[in-house]
Amino acid sequence: MTIDTKAMIRLERQAALELTGTDRTELADQMNAVLSCLDVLRACPDLSAPPAATGCPLRGDEVLASTDRAAALANAPDTDGEYFLVPRTVE
């Protein structure tokens, strides 16, 4: 695919640009250079990488015992017996 003058004028109108003839030619050349790079990429074979073999299997999804509430509250600077109490930060 290439950008010719007709396509460039159409793009210019859609982008609400007012280019001079020199600018239009220069921009079309730059766009064609980008499109040629994309053509090179399209020509590359699609090599899908196989999934990585790891020696670490995923851990199972299992319910584990939680920290005892009394033990957690014992380390808190201030509690009401059931919850942590923290200083108010927003007034």
PDB file of N, CA and C in Angstrom:
ATOM      1  N   MET A   1       0.844  -1.175   0.000  1.00  0.00           N
ATOM      2  CA  MET A   1       0.000   0.000   0.000  1.00  0.00           C
ATOM      3  C   MET A   1       0.891   1.240   0.000  1.00  0.00           C
ATOM      4  N   THR A   2       0.505   2.194  -0.782  1.00  0.00           N
ATOM      5  CA  THR A   2       1.245   3.454  -0.821  1.00  0.00           C
ATOM      6  C   THR A   2       0.262   4.617  -0.728  1.00  0.00           C
ATOM      7  N   ILE A   3       0.765   5.721  -0.273  1.00  0.00           N
ATOM      8  CA  ILE A   3      -0.032   6.941  -0.178  1.00  0.00           C
ATOM      9  C   ILE A   3       0.284   7.787  -1.403  1.00  0.00           C
ATOM     10  N   ASP A   4      -0.693   7.937  -2.279  1.00  0.00           N
ATOM     11  CA  ASP A   4      -0.496   8.781  -3.449  1.00  0.00           C
ATOM     12  C   ASP A   4      -1.072  10.177  -3.167  1.00  0.00           C
ATOM     13  N   THR A   5      -0.998  11.056  -4.138  1.00  0.00           N
ATOM     14  CA  THR A   5      -1.453  12.435  -3.947  1.00  0.00           C
ATOM     15  C   THR A   5      -2.931  12.503  -3.620  1.00  0.00           C
ATOM     16  N   LYS A   6      -3.725  11.686  -4.287  1.00  0.00           N
ATOM     17  CA  LYS A   6      -5.174  11.684  -4.057  1.00  0.00           C
ATOM     18  C   LYS A   6      -5.490  11.258  -2.624  1.00  0.00           C
ATOM     19  N   ALA A   7      -4.825  10.198  -2.166  1.00  0.00           N
ATOM     20  CA  ALA A   7      -5.042   9.733  -0.794  1.00  0.00           C
ATOM     21  C   ALA A   7      -4.540  10.768   0.202  1.00  0.00           C
ATOM     22  N   MET A   8      -3.436  11.429  -0.117  1.00  0.00           N
ATOM     23  CA  MET A   8      -2.877  12.427   0.780  1.00  0.00           C
ATOM     24  C   MET A   8      -3.814  13.620   0.914  1.00  0.00           C
ATOM     25  N   ILE A   9      -4.429  14.037  -0.168  1.00  0.00           N
ATOM     26  CA  ILE A   9      -5.382  15.150  -0.114  1.00  0.00           C
ATOM     27  C   ILE A   9      -6.595  14.766   0.723  1.00  0.00           C
ATOM     28  N   ARG A  10      -7.054  13.531   0.571  1.00  0.00           N
ATOM     29  CA  ARG A  10      -8.192  13.046   1.360  1.00  0.00           C
ATOM     30  C   ARG A  10      -7.836  13.015   2.851  1.00  0.00           C
ATOM     31  N   LEU A  11      -6.635  12.519   3.191  1.00  0.00           N
ATOM     32  CA  LEU A  11      -6.188  12.503   4.587  1.00  0.00           C
ATOM     33  C   LEU A  11      -6.027  13.924   5.137  1.00  0.00           C
ATOM     34  N   GLU A  12      -5.528  14.795   4.305  1.00  0.00           N
ATOM     35  CA  GLU A  12      -5.348  16.184   4.701  1.00  0.00           C
ATOM     36  C   GLU A  12      -6.698  16.821   5.049  1.00  0.00           C
ATOM     37  N   ARG A  13      -7.695  16.551   4.251  1.00  0.00           N
ATOM     38  CA  ARG A  13      -9.031  17.097   4.489  1.00  0.00           C
ATOM     39  C   ARG A  13      -9.636  16.507   5.769  1.00  0.00           C
ATOM     40  N   GLN A  14      -9.466  15.186   5.972  1.00  0.00           N
ATOM     41  CA  GLN A  14     -10.027  14.545   7.160  1.00  0.00           C
ATOM     42  C   GLN A  14      -9.345  15.017   8.440  1.00  0.00           C
ATOM     43  N   ALA A  15      -8.049  15.345   8.362  1.00  0.00           N
ATOM     44  CA  ALA A  15      -7.310  15.803   9.533  1.00  0.00           C
ATOM     45  C   ALA A  15      -7.389  17.317   9.699  1.00  0.00           C
ATOM     46  N   ALA A  16      -8.136  17.979   8.845  1.00  0.00           N
ATOM     47  CA  ALA A  16      -8.293  19.439   8.882  1.00  0.00           C
ATOM     48  C   ALA A  16      -6.937  20.137   8.824  1.00  0.00           C
ATOM     49  N   LEU A  17      -6.096  19.686   7.887  1.00  0.00           N
ATOM     50  CA  LEU A  17      -4.781  20.289   7.677  1.00  0.00           C
ATOM     51  C   LEU A  17      -4.779  21.088   6.389  1.00  0.00           C
ATOM     52  N   GLU A  18      -3.918  22.075   6.335  1.00  0.00           N
ATOM     53  CA  GLU A  18      -3.698  22.818   5.102  1.00  0.00           C
ATOM     54  C   GLU A  18      -2.213  22.752   4.798  1.00  0.00           C
ATOM     55  N   LEU A  19      -1.819  21.819   3.944  1.00  0.00           N
ATOM     56  CA  LEU A  19      -0.417  21.619   3.620  1.00  0.00           C
ATOM     57  C   LEU A  19      -0.095  22.236   2.277  1.00  0.00           C
ATOM     58  N   THR A  20       1.151  22.689   2.155  1.00  0.00           N
ATOM     59  CA  THR A  20       1.621  23.164   0.861  1.00  0.00           C
ATOM     60  C   THR A  20       2.001  21.937   0.033  1.00  0.00           C
ATOM     61  N   GLY A  21       2.253  22.129  -1.230  1.00  0.00           N
ATOM     62  CA  GLY A  21       2.621  21.016  -2.095  1.00  0.00           C
ATOM     63  C   GLY A  21       3.878  20.303  -1.630  1.00  0.00           C
ATOM     64  N   THR A  22       4.867  21.071  -1.174  1.00  0.00           N
ATOM     65  CA  THR A  22       6.122  20.488  -0.689  1.00  0.00           C
ATOM     66  C   THR A  22       5.886  19.691   0.582  1.00  0.00           C
ATOM     67  N   ASP A  23       5.124  20.268   1.509  1.00  0.00           N
ATOM     68  CA  ASP A  23       4.827  19.568   2.766  1.00  0.00           C
ATOM     69  C   ASP A  23       4.031  18.295   2.510  1.00  0.00           C
ATOM     70  N   ARG A  24       3.076  18.387   1.577  1.00  0.00           N
ATOM     71  CA  ARG A  24       2.247  17.235   1.240  1.00  0.00           C
ATOM     72  C   ARG A  24       3.115  16.097   0.683  1.00  0.00           C
ATOM     73  N   THR A  25       4.046  16.426  -0.191  1.00  0.00           N
ATOM     74  CA  THR A  25       4.935  15.429  -0.773  1.00  0.00           C
ATOM     75  C   THR A  25       5.851  14.829   0.286  1.00  0.00           C
ATOM     76  N   GLU A  26       6.402  15.683   1.156  1.00  0.00           N
ATOM     77  CA  GLU A  26       7.307  15.209   2.205  1.00  0.00           C
ATOM     78  C   GLU A  26       6.566  14.286   3.184  1.00  0.00           C
ATOM     79  N   LEU A  27       5.355  14.672   3.592  1.00  0.00           N
ATOM     80  CA  LEU A  27       4.583  13.851   4.517  1.00  0.00           C
ATOM     81  C   LEU A  27       4.174  12.527   3.874  1.00  0.00           C
ATOM     82  N   ALA A  28       3.818  12.567   2.605  1.00  0.00           N
ATOM     83  CA  ALA A  28       3.466  11.331   1.900  1.00  0.00           C
ATOM     84  C   ALA A  28       4.671  10.395   1.834  1.00  0.00           C
ATOM     85  N   ASP A  29       5.856  10.929   1.588  1.00  0.00           N
ATOM     86  CA  ASP A  29       7.073  10.105   1.560  1.00  0.00           C
ATOM     87  C   ASP A  29       7.339   9.475   2.928  1.00  0.00           C
ATOM     88  N   GLN A  30       7.151  10.259   3.989  1.00  0.00           N
ATOM     89  CA  GLN A  30       7.360   9.728   5.336  1.00  0.00           C
ATOM     90  C   GLN A  30       6.344   8.630   5.662  1.00  0.00           C
ATOM     91  N   MET A  31       5.090   8.848   5.274  1.00  0.00           N
ATOM     92  CA  MET A  31       4.056   7.834   5.528  1.00  0.00           C
ATOM     93  C   MET A  31       4.331   6.562   4.723  1.00  0.00           C
ATOM     94  N   ASN A  32       4.791   6.721   3.509  1.00  0.00           N
ATOM     95  CA  ASN A  32       5.137   5.555   2.695  1.00  0.00           C
ATOM     96  C   ASN A  32       6.307   4.791   3.295  1.00  0.00           C
ATOM     97  N   ALA A  33       7.268   5.501   3.908  1.00  0.00           N
ATOM     98  CA  ALA A  33       8.391   4.830   4.574  1.00  0.00           C
ATOM     99  C   ALA A  33       7.889   3.998   5.753  1.00  0.00           C
ATOM    100  N   VAL A  34       6.955   4.541   6.510  1.00  0.00           N
ATOM    101  CA  VAL A  34       6.373   3.791   7.637  1.00  0.00           C
ATOM    102  C   VAL A  34       5.625   2.569   7.117  1.00  0.00           C
ATOM    103  N   LEU A  35       4.850   2.745   6.067  1.00  0.00           N
ATOM    104  CA  LEU A  35       4.099   1.620   5.511  1.00  0.00           C
ATOM    105  C   LEU A  35       5.023   0.533   4.967  1.00  0.00           C
ATOM    106  N   SER A  36       6.167   0.930   4.415  1.00  0.00           N
ATOM    107  CA  SER A  36       7.105  -0.082   3.915  1.00  0.00           C
ATOM    108  C   SER A  36       7.700  -0.871   5.075  1.00  0.00           C
ATOM    109  N   CYS A  37       7.925  -0.220   6.211  1.00  0.00           N
ATOM    110  CA  CYS A  37       8.393  -0.942   7.404  1.00  0.00           C
ATOM    111  C   CYS A  37       7.343  -1.948   7.862  1.00  0.00           C
ATOM    112  N   LEU A  38       6.089  -1.561   7.800  1.00  0.00           N
ATOM    113  CA  LEU A  38       5.017  -2.479   8.180  1.00  0.00           C
ATOM    114  C   LEU A  38       4.929  -3.658   7.220  1.00  0.00           C
ATOM    115  N   ASP A  39       5.192  -3.426   5.955  1.00  0.00           N
ATOM    116  CA  ASP A  39       5.211  -4.526   4.981  1.00  0.00           C
ATOM    117  C   ASP A  39       6.301  -5.530   5.324  1.00  0.00           C
ATOM    118  N   VAL A  40       7.458  -5.028   5.773  1.00  0.00           N
ATOM    119  CA  VAL A  40       8.546  -5.919   6.180  1.00  0.00           C
ATOM    120  C   VAL A  40       8.106  -6.759   7.380  1.00  0.00           C
ATOM    121  N   LEU A  41       7.440  -6.126   8.340  1.00  0.00           N
ATOM    122  CA  LEU A  41       6.963  -6.863   9.514  1.00  0.00           C
ATOM    123  C   LEU A  41       5.912  -7.907   9.136  1.00  0.00           C
ATOM    124  N   ARG A  42       5.042  -7.556   8.189  1.00  0.00           N
ATOM    125  CA  ARG A  42       4.023  -8.521   7.749  1.00  0.00           C
ATOM    126  C   ARG A  42       4.653  -9.744   7.090  1.00  0.00           C
ATOM    127  N   ALA A  43       5.814  -9.553   6.479  1.00  0.00           N
ATOM    128  CA  ALA A  43       6.483 -10.657   5.794  1.00  0.00           C
ATOM    129  C   ALA A  43       7.162 -11.611   6.767  1.00  0.00           C
ATOM    130  N   CYS A  44       7.358 -11.185   7.996  1.00  0.00           N
ATOM    131  CA  CYS A  44       8.009 -12.051   8.986  1.00  0.00           C
ATOM    132  C   CYS A  44       7.083 -13.202   9.352  1.00  0.00           C
ATOM    133  N   PRO A  45       7.647 -14.394   9.547  1.00  0.00           N
ATOM    134  CA  PRO A  45       6.813 -15.522   9.936  1.00  0.00           C
ATOM    135  C   PRO A  45       6.267 -15.323  11.351  1.00  0.00           C
ATOM    136  N   ASP A  46       5.086 -15.839  11.575  1.00  0.00           N
ATOM    137  CA  ASP A  46       4.457 -15.736  12.887  1.00  0.00           C
ATOM    138  C   ASP A  46       4.917 -16.910  13.729  1.00  0.00           C
ATOM    139  N   LEU A  47       5.910 -16.669  14.543  1.00  0.00           N
ATOM    140  CA  LEU A  47       6.441 -17.722  15.392  1.00  0.00           C
ATOM    141  C   LEU A  47       5.881 -17.538  16.795  1.00  0.00           C
ATOM    142  N   SER A  48       4.921 -18.358  17.121  1.00  0.00           N
ATOM    143  CA  SER A  48       4.348 -18.275  18.452  1.00  0.00           C
ATOM    144  C   SER A  48       5.285 -18.972  19.421  1.00  0.00           C
ATOM    145  N   ALA A  49       5.623 -18.299  20.471  1.00  0.00           N
ATOM    146  CA  ALA A  49       6.524 -18.873  21.461  1.00  0.00           C
ATOM    147  C   ALA A  49       5.771 -19.927  22.268  1.00  0.00           C
ATOM    148  N   PRO A  50       6.391 -21.086  22.462  1.00  0.00           N
ATOM    149  CA  PRO A  50       5.732 -22.100  23.279  1.00  0.00           C
ATOM    150  C   PRO A  50       5.674 -21.624  24.728  1.00  0.00           C
ATOM    151  N   PRO A  51       4.712 -22.111  25.484  1.00  0.00           N
ATOM    152  CA  PRO A  51       4.649 -21.688  26.881  1.00  0.00           C
ATOM    153  C   PRO A  51       5.921 -22.080  27.608  1.00  0.00           C
ATOM    154  N   ALA A  52       6.368 -21.216  28.482  1.00  0.00           N
ATOM    155  CA  ALA A  52       7.606 -21.460  29.209  1.00  0.00           C
ATOM    156  C   ALA A  52       7.426 -22.630  30.170  1.00  0.00           C
ATOM    157  N   ALA A  53       8.363 -23.534  30.133  1.00  0.00           N
ATOM    158  CA  ALA A  53       8.324 -24.670  31.038  1.00  0.00           C
ATOM    159  C   ALA A  53       8.995 -24.254  32.332  1.00  0.00           C
ATOM    160  N   THR A  54       8.238 -24.241  33.390  1.00  0.00           N
ATOM    161  CA  THR A  54       8.803 -23.851  34.680  1.00  0.00           C
ATOM    162  C   THR A  54       8.765 -25.042  35.616  1.00  0.00           C
ATOM    163  N   GLY A  55       9.676 -25.060  36.534  1.00  0.00           N
ATOM    164  CA  GLY A  55       9.716 -26.134  37.512  1.00  0.00           C
ATOM    165  C   GLY A  55       8.875 -25.812  38.732  1.00  0.00           C
ATOM    166  N   CYS A  56       8.155 -24.708  38.692  1.00  0.00           N
ATOM    167  CA  CYS A  56       7.371 -24.265  39.841  1.00  0.00           C
ATOM    168  C   CYS A  56       5.884 -24.320  39.484  1.00  0.00           C
ATOM    169  N   PRO A  57       5.199 -25.355  39.889  1.00  0.00           N
ATOM    170  CA  PRO A  57       3.762 -25.416  39.574  1.00  0.00           C
ATOM    171  C   PRO A  57       3.003 -24.380  40.399  1.00  0.00           C
ATOM    172  N   LEU A  58       1.857 -24.001  39.908  1.00  0.00           N
ATOM    173  CA  LEU A  58       1.029 -23.051  40.639  1.00  0.00           C
ATOM    174  C   LEU A  58       0.527 -23.696  41.921  1.00  0.00           C
ATOM    175  N   ARG A  59       0.429 -22.923  42.952  1.00  0.00           N
ATOM    176  CA  ARG A  59      -0.053 -23.487  44.207  1.00  0.00           C
ATOM    177  C   ARG A  59      -1.560 -23.689  44.113  1.00  0.00           C
ATOM    178  N   GLY A  60      -2.022 -24.631  44.868  1.00  0.00           N
ATOM    179  CA  GLY A  60      -3.446 -24.918  44.870  1.00  0.00           C
ATOM    180  C   GLY A  60      -4.228 -23.822  45.573  1.00  0.00           C
ATOM    181  N   ASP A  61      -5.470 -23.678  45.201  1.00  0.00           N
ATOM    182  CA  ASP A  61      -6.339 -22.688  45.813  1.00  0.00           C
ATOM    183  C   ASP A  61      -7.049 -23.358  46.978  1.00  0.00           C
ATOM    184  N   GLU A  62      -6.532 -23.142  48.170  1.00  0.00           N
ATOM    185  CA  GLU A  62      -7.108 -23.794  49.334  1.00  0.00           C
ATOM    186  C   GLU A  62      -7.244 -22.796  50.468  1.00  0.00           C
ATOM    187  N   VAL A  63      -8.229 -23.027  51.313  1.00  0.00           N
ATOM    188  CA  VAL A  63      -8.484 -22.157  52.444  1.00  0.00           C
ATOM    189  C   VAL A  63      -7.487 -22.488  53.543  1.00  0.00           C
ATOM    190  N   LEU A  64      -6.830 -21.458  54.072  1.00  0.00           N
ATOM    191  CA  LEU A  64      -5.873 -21.633  55.152  1.00  0.00           C
ATOM    192  C   LEU A  64      -6.368 -20.905  56.391  1.00  0.00           C
ATOM    193  N   ALA A  65      -5.909 -21.332  57.520  1.00  0.00           N
ATOM    194  CA  ALA A  65      -6.302 -20.685  58.758  1.00  0.00           C
ATOM    195  C   ALA A  65      -5.788 -19.259  58.785  1.00  0.00           C
ATOM    196  N   SER A  66      -6.587 -18.352  59.308  1.00  0.00           N
ATOM    197  CA  SER A  66      -6.225 -16.948  59.392  1.00  0.00           C
ATOM    198  C   SER A  66      -5.540 -16.675  60.721  1.00  0.00           C
ATOM    199  N   THR A  67      -4.965 -15.493  60.842  1.00  0.00           N
ATOM    200  CA  THR A  67      -4.348 -15.076  62.097  1.00  0.00           C
ATOM    201  C   THR A  67      -5.443 -14.905  63.149  1.00  0.00           C
ATOM    202  N   ASP A  68      -5.163 -15.336  64.329  1.00  0.00           N
ATOM    203  CA  ASP A  68      -6.114 -15.213  65.429  1.00  0.00           C
ATOM    204  C   ASP A  68      -6.344 -13.733  65.726  1.00  0.00           C
ATOM    205  N   ARG A  69      -7.604 -13.338  65.840  1.00  0.00           N
ATOM    206  CA  ARG A  69      -7.950 -11.938  66.063  1.00  0.00           C
ATOM    207  C   ARG A  69      -7.306 -11.404  67.347  1.00  0.00           C
ATOM    208  N   ALA A  70      -7.362 -12.170  68.420  1.00  0.00           N
ATOM    209  CA  ALA A  70      -6.801 -11.717  69.695  1.00  0.00           C
ATOM    210  C   ALA A  70      -5.296 -11.497  69.578  1.00  0.00           C
ATOM    211  N   ALA A  71      -4.602 -12.364  68.837  1.00  0.00           N
ATOM    212  CA  ALA A  71      -3.157 -12.213  68.665  1.00  0.00           C
ATOM    213  C   ALA A  71      -2.839 -10.960  67.849  1.00  0.00           C
ATOM    214  N   ALA A  72      -3.640 -10.680  66.819  1.00  0.00           N
ATOM    215  CA  ALA A  72      -3.420  -9.488  66.008  1.00  0.00           C
ATOM    216  C   ALA A  72      -3.703  -8.226  66.813  1.00  0.00           C
ATOM    217  N   LEU A  73      -4.787  -8.232  67.583  1.00  0.00           N
ATOM    218  CA  LEU A  73      -5.138  -7.060  68.386  1.00  0.00           C
ATOM    219  C   LEU A  73      -4.145  -6.827  69.513  1.00  0.00           C
ATOM    220  N   ALA A  74      -3.482  -7.874  69.967  1.00  0.00           N
ATOM    221  CA  ALA A  74      -2.503  -7.728  71.043  1.00  0.00           C
ATOM    222  C   ALA A  74      -1.312  -6.879  70.590  1.00  0.00           C
ATOM    223  N   ASN A  75      -1.024  -6.847  69.285  1.00  0.00           N
ATOM    224  CA  ASN A  75       0.093  -6.064  68.759  1.00  0.00           C
ATOM    225  C   ASN A  75      -0.303  -4.642  68.388  1.00  0.00           C
ATOM    226  N   ALA A  76      -1.600  -4.330  68.447  1.00  0.00           N
ATOM    227  CA  ALA A  76      -2.068  -3.008  68.026  1.00  0.00           C
ATOM    228  C   ALA A  76      -1.850  -1.986  69.130  1.00  0.00           C
ATOM    229  N   PRO A  77      -1.525  -0.735  68.764  1.00  0.00           N
ATOM    230  CA  PRO A  77      -1.339   0.290  69.783  1.00  0.00           C
ATOM    231  C   PRO A  77      -2.651   0.651  70.497  1.00  0.00           C
ATOM    232  N   ASP A  78      -3.796   0.538  69.771  1.00  0.00           N
ATOM    233  CA  ASP A  78      -5.073   0.897  70.383  1.00  0.00           C
ATOM    234  C   ASP A  78      -6.186   0.078  69.737  1.00  0.00           C
ATOM    235  N   THR A  79      -7.050  -0.511  70.543  1.00  0.00           N
ATOM    236  CA  THR A  79      -8.178  -1.302  70.036  1.00  0.00           C
ATOM    237  C   THR A  79      -9.398  -1.030  70.884  1.00  0.00           C
ATOM    238  N   ASP A  80     -10.550  -1.461  70.370  1.00  0.00           N
ATOM    239  CA  ASP A  80     -11.765  -1.418  71.173  1.00  0.00           C
ATOM    240  C   ASP A  80     -12.167  -2.831  71.588  1.00  0.00           C
ATOM    241  N   GLY A  81     -11.253  -3.759  71.425  1.00  0.00           N
ATOM    242  CA  GLY A  81     -11.507  -5.151  71.772  1.00  0.00           C
ATOM    243  C   GLY A  81     -11.874  -5.994  70.561  1.00  0.00           C
ATOM    244  N   GLU A  82     -12.364  -5.339  69.497  1.00  0.00           N
ATOM    245  CA  GLU A  82     -12.743  -6.070  68.290  1.00  0.00           C
ATOM    246  C   GLU A  82     -12.049  -5.533  67.046  1.00  0.00           C
ATOM    247  N   TYR A  83     -11.781  -4.223  67.022  1.00  0.00           N
ATOM    248  CA  TYR A  83     -11.188  -3.579  65.844  1.00  0.00           C
ATOM    249  C   TYR A  83      -9.966  -2.762  66.253  1.00  0.00           C
ATOM    250  N   PHE A  84      -9.097  -2.479  65.256  1.00  0.00           N
ATOM    251  CA  PHE A  84      -7.986  -1.554  65.466  1.00  0.00           C
ATOM    252  C   PHE A  84      -8.558  -0.146  65.537  1.00  0.00           C
ATOM    253  N   LEU A  85      -8.030   0.689  66.392  1.00  0.00           N
ATOM    254  CA  LEU A  85      -8.406   2.094  66.434  1.00  0.00           C
ATOM    255  C   LEU A  85      -7.237   2.903  65.895  1.00  0.00           C
ATOM    256  N   VAL A  86      -7.524   3.779  64.948  1.00  0.00           N
ATOM    257  CA  VAL A  86      -6.486   4.598  64.319  1.00  0.00           C
ATOM    258  C   VAL A  86      -6.864   6.056  64.456  1.00  0.00           C
ATOM    259  N   PRO A  87      -5.874   6.941  64.465  1.00  0.00           N
ATOM    260  CA  PRO A  87      -6.192   8.371  64.571  1.00  0.00           C
ATOM    261  C   PRO A  87      -6.944   8.846  63.339  1.00  0.00           C
ATOM    262  N   ARG A  88      -7.822   9.776  63.548  1.00  0.00           N
ATOM    263  CA  ARG A  88      -8.587  10.350  62.444  1.00  0.00           C
ATOM    264  C   ARG A  88      -7.640  11.197  61.575  1.00  0.00           C
ATOM    265  N   THR A  89      -7.688  11.008  60.274  1.00  0.00           N
ATOM    266  CA  THR A  89      -6.800  11.748  59.378  1.00  0.00           C
ATOM    267  C   THR A  89      -7.541  12.763  58.548  1.00  0.00           C
ATOM    268  N   VAL A  90      -8.848  12.602  58.392  1.00  0.00           N
ATOM    269  CA  VAL A  90      -9.651  13.529  57.584  1.00  0.00           C
ATOM    270  C   VAL A  90     -10.708  14.117  58.499  1.00  0.00           C
ATOM    271  N   GLU A  91     -10.823  15.409  58.491  1.00  0.00           N
ATOM    272  CA  GLU A  91     -11.802  16.053  59.362  1.00  0.00           C
ATOM    273  C   GLU A  91     -13.004  16.487  58.579  1.00  0.00           C
TER     274      GLU A  91
END
